[in-house]
Amino acid sequence: MDFNTKVDEQLIYEGKWLHYKFLHFEVNGHKKVWEFVERPPGHRGGVEIIPIIKYKEKPSQLILIANFRPPIRKFCLEFPSGLVDQEGTIEENGLREIKEETGYTAQIRHFQYNGVRIRNDPWKSTENEVSIVVDIDGDSEVNLNPKQQLESDENIIVYKMNMGKTLADEILQLAKEKDYEISGLLWFFALGQQFTN
């Protein structure tokens, strides 16, 4: 059976940022209808940035944000991220997003897994993004007093967290204190820190 064969795609709603569709297909002789959303044609995906701030005299830290997400009507702890503009490379878009959302100036880390395309919710969306790790010089003058450059509809709070086995506990404590939600990508990153030696 060719699972990539589309039987019929039906556009239900066409919004500015999302299209809502029905996919009509057949599995083992049974007709099915699947509801999903996708970005409009021409969309280049998103970029998720894992920003690590490094210092000469103290341990590195992870920068994360609390971003107000209207669908859940709460702030959500997550990595800085954004849609990839039509202009520029994914890396350039990532550096722009980290500057806008946190105020920090970063450099792309030479990391073998930069540029991996990931799917956050393939059961309901065609959404995809690329993850990149960036380094931030915490001792550099340009990063001593970072100033966000948010768009008028953005509400983002910046946090610095300790790397390592305490990260998951720090995230849980902050989420409890502030009544924040936690994004899946950030949480799995924090859990991964539990398995380091």
Protein backbone atom coordinates (compact mmCIF):
# COMPACT_ATOMS: atom_id res chain seq x y z
CA MET A 1 0.00 0.00 0.00
CA ASP A 2 1.31 3.45 -0.89
CA PHE A 3 0.72 5.56 2.22
CA ASN A 4 1.92 8.71 0.43
CA THR A 5 -0.89 8.66 -2.13
CA LYS A 6 -3.39 11.41 -1.39
CA VAL A 7 -6.92 10.47 -2.30
CA ASP A 8 -8.46 13.90 -1.92
CA GLU A 9 -7.58 17.10 -0.08
CA GLN A 10 -10.36 19.53 0.81
CA LEU A 11 -9.70 23.10 1.97
CA ILE A 12 -12.16 23.96 4.74
CA TYR A 13 -10.80 27.29 5.94
CA GLU A 14 -8.08 29.56 4.58
CA GLY A 15 -6.61 31.87 7.23
CA LYS A 16 -3.63 34.21 7.09
CA TRP A 17 -1.27 31.83 8.94
CA LEU A 18 -3.02 28.45 8.73
CA HIS A 19 -5.15 26.45 6.35
CA TYR A 20 -7.58 23.92 7.80
CA LYS A 21 -8.10 20.85 5.60
CA PHE A 22 -9.73 17.45 5.35
CA LEU A 23 -7.73 14.59 3.86
CA HIS A 24 -9.95 11.85 2.38
CA PHE A 25 -8.10 8.55 2.02
CA GLU A 26 -8.53 4.79 2.29
CA VAL A 27 -6.84 2.29 4.62
CA ASN A 28 -7.43 -1.46 4.30
CA GLY A 29 -10.59 -0.84 2.33
CA HIS A 30 -12.00 1.67 4.85
CA LYS A 31 -12.56 5.27 3.85
CA LYS A 32 -11.18 7.79 6.32
CA VAL A 33 -11.25 11.55 6.80
CA TRP A 34 -8.36 13.22 8.61
CA GLU A 35 -8.47 16.80 9.86
CA PHE A 36 -5.21 18.76 9.74
CA VAL A 37 -3.71 22.22 9.45
CA GLU A 38 -0.89 23.45 7.26
CA ARG A 39 0.90 26.68 6.51
CA PRO A 40 -0.06 28.56 3.32
CA PRO A 41 1.89 27.83 0.12
CA GLY A 42 5.39 29.30 0.07
CA HIS A 43 5.89 28.90 3.82
CA ARG A 44 9.52 28.02 4.66
CA GLY A 45 8.91 26.44 8.06
CA GLY A 46 10.18 27.62 11.40
CA VAL A 47 13.45 27.86 13.27
CA GLU A 48 13.96 26.82 16.89
CA ILE A 49 17.04 28.21 18.64
CA ILE A 50 18.84 26.55 21.56
CA PRO A 51 20.86 29.48 22.98
CA ILE A 52 23.76 28.78 25.34
CA ILE A 53 25.33 31.76 27.06
CA LYS A 54 29.00 31.27 27.95
CA TYR A 55 31.12 33.13 30.51
CA LYS A 56 34.84 33.07 31.31
CA GLU A 57 34.44 32.95 35.08
CA LYS A 58 31.19 31.02 35.65
CA PRO A 59 29.27 28.05 34.23
CA SER A 60 27.33 28.28 30.98
CA GLN A 61 23.60 28.91 31.11
CA LEU A 62 20.66 28.18 28.86
CA ILE A 63 18.42 31.03 27.73
CA LEU A 64 14.74 30.28 27.43
CA ILE A 65 11.63 32.40 27.18
CA ALA A 66 8.11 32.56 28.53
CA ASN A 67 6.02 33.38 25.48
CA PHE A 68 2.32 34.25 25.78
CA ARG A 69 0.40 31.80 23.59
CA PRO A 70 -3.20 32.88 22.90
CA PRO A 71 -4.61 29.37 22.20
CA ILE A 72 -3.76 28.22 25.75
CA ARG A 73 -4.27 31.71 27.25
CA LYS A 74 -1.04 31.36 29.21
CA PHE A 75 2.67 31.90 28.99
CA CYS A 76 4.60 28.86 27.79
CA LEU A 77 8.24 28.14 28.62
CA GLU A 78 10.07 27.40 25.39
CA PHE A 79 13.13 28.07 23.28
CA PRO A 80 13.19 31.25 21.17
CA SER A 81 11.73 30.49 17.75
CA GLY A 82 9.97 31.97 14.78
CA LEU A 83 8.82 31.54 11.23
CA VAL A 84 11.48 31.63 8.55
CA ASP A 85 11.13 34.73 6.38
CA GLN A 86 11.29 34.50 2.59
CA GLU A 87 14.65 36.30 2.67
CA GLY A 88 17.86 34.94 4.18
CA THR A 89 19.09 31.55 5.31
CA ILE A 90 17.56 29.62 8.17
CA GLU A 91 20.64 30.47 10.26
CA GLU A 92 20.26 34.19 9.55
CA ASN A 93 16.59 33.97 10.51
CA GLY A 94 17.54 32.18 13.75
CA LEU A 95 20.06 34.85 14.72
CA ARG A 96 17.46 37.54 14.00
CA GLU A 97 14.86 35.77 16.17
CA ILE A 98 17.22 35.39 19.14
CA LYS A 99 18.11 39.10 18.90
CA GLU A 100 14.47 40.20 18.66
CA GLU A 101 13.08 37.92 21.38
CA THR A 102 15.92 38.09 23.93
CA GLY A 103 18.12 41.04 22.96
CA TYR A 104 21.22 38.83 22.85
CA THR A 105 23.67 38.76 19.95
CA ALA A 106 24.63 35.16 19.11
CA GLN A 107 26.85 33.16 16.79
CA ILE A 108 25.97 29.87 15.14
CA ARG A 109 27.74 27.02 16.89
CA HIS A 110 29.52 24.52 14.64
CA PHE A 111 27.43 21.56 15.71
CA GLN A 112 26.84 18.42 13.68
CA TYR A 113 23.09 18.33 14.38
CA ASN A 114 22.34 21.93 13.43
CA GLY A 115 19.84 22.05 10.59
CA VAL A 116 17.86 18.91 11.40
CA ARG A 117 14.23 19.34 10.35
CA ILE A 118 11.79 18.25 13.05
CA ARG A 119 8.03 17.74 13.26
CA ASN A 120 6.32 18.85 16.46
CA ASP A 121 2.81 17.54 15.86
CA PRO A 122 2.64 15.40 12.69
CA TRP A 123 -0.68 13.91 13.74
CA LYS A 124 -2.50 17.23 13.18
CA SER A 125 -0.16 19.47 11.21
CA THR A 126 2.37 19.62 8.38
CA GLU A 127 4.34 22.10 10.52
CA ASN A 128 8.11 21.71 10.46
CA GLU A 129 11.08 23.59 11.79
CA VAL A 130 14.83 23.44 11.92
CA SER A 131 16.71 23.47 15.22
CA ILE A 132 20.02 25.29 15.63
CA VAL A 133 22.34 25.70 18.60
CA VAL A 134 23.86 29.15 19.10
CA ASP A 135 26.56 30.47 21.42
CA ILE A 136 26.29 33.80 23.21
CA ASP A 137 29.33 35.48 24.71
CA GLY A 138 28.01 36.51 28.12
CA ASP A 139 31.09 38.64 28.81
CA SER A 140 30.82 40.66 25.59
CA GLU A 141 29.81 44.29 26.03
CA VAL A 142 27.06 43.86 23.43
CA ASN A 143 25.39 41.25 25.68
CA LEU A 144 25.73 42.94 29.08
CA ASN A 145 22.40 44.82 28.85
CA PRO A 146 20.34 43.03 26.19
CA LYS A 147 17.20 44.80 24.99
CA GLN A 148 14.39 42.93 23.30
CA GLN A 149 13.05 44.15 19.95
CA LEU A 150 9.56 42.67 20.14
CA GLU A 151 6.76 43.14 17.67
CA SER A 152 3.68 44.92 19.00
CA ASP A 153 1.72 41.68 19.47
CA GLU A 154 4.53 39.77 21.24
CA ASN A 155 4.72 39.29 25.00
CA ILE A 156 7.97 37.50 25.91
CA ILE A 157 9.92 37.21 29.19
CA VAL A 158 13.56 36.06 29.12
CA TYR A 159 15.06 33.62 31.66
CA LYS A 160 18.54 32.18 32.20
CA MET A 161 18.75 28.65 33.59
CA ASN A 162 21.56 26.43 34.77
CA MET A 163 22.62 23.66 32.41
CA GLY A 164 22.77 20.09 33.65
CA LYS A 165 20.75 17.83 35.90
CA THR A 166 19.00 20.69 37.75
CA LEU A 167 17.42 22.11 34.59
CA ALA A 168 14.23 20.04 34.73
CA ASP A 169 13.65 20.94 38.39
CA GLU A 170 14.29 24.63 37.69
CA ILE A 171 11.81 24.60 34.83
CA LEU A 172 9.16 22.85 36.94
CA GLN A 173 9.67 25.28 39.80
CA LEU A 174 9.40 28.33 37.53
CA ALA A 175 6.30 26.91 35.82
CA LYS A 176 4.65 26.30 39.19
CA GLU A 177 5.55 29.73 40.60
CA LYS A 178 4.35 31.65 37.54
CA ASP A 179 1.58 29.30 36.36
CA TYR A 180 3.39 28.71 33.06
CA GLU A 181 2.98 25.80 30.66
CA ILE A 182 6.03 23.94 29.28
CA SER A 183 6.71 23.25 25.60
CA GLY A 184 7.51 19.69 24.61
CA LEU A 185 10.83 20.48 22.95
CA LEU A 186 12.16 22.34 25.99
CA TRP A 187 10.97 19.63 28.37
CA PHE A 188 12.60 16.82 26.41
CA PHE A 189 15.83 18.84 26.25
CA ALA A 190 15.69 19.21 30.06
CA LEU A 191 15.05 15.49 30.49
CA GLY A 192 18.04 14.77 28.26
CA GLN A 193 20.21 16.70 30.72
CA GLN A 194 19.32 14.07 33.33
CA PHE A 195 21.24 11.45 31.34
CA THR A 196 24.55 13.31 31.13
CA ASN A 197 27.43 12.06 33.29
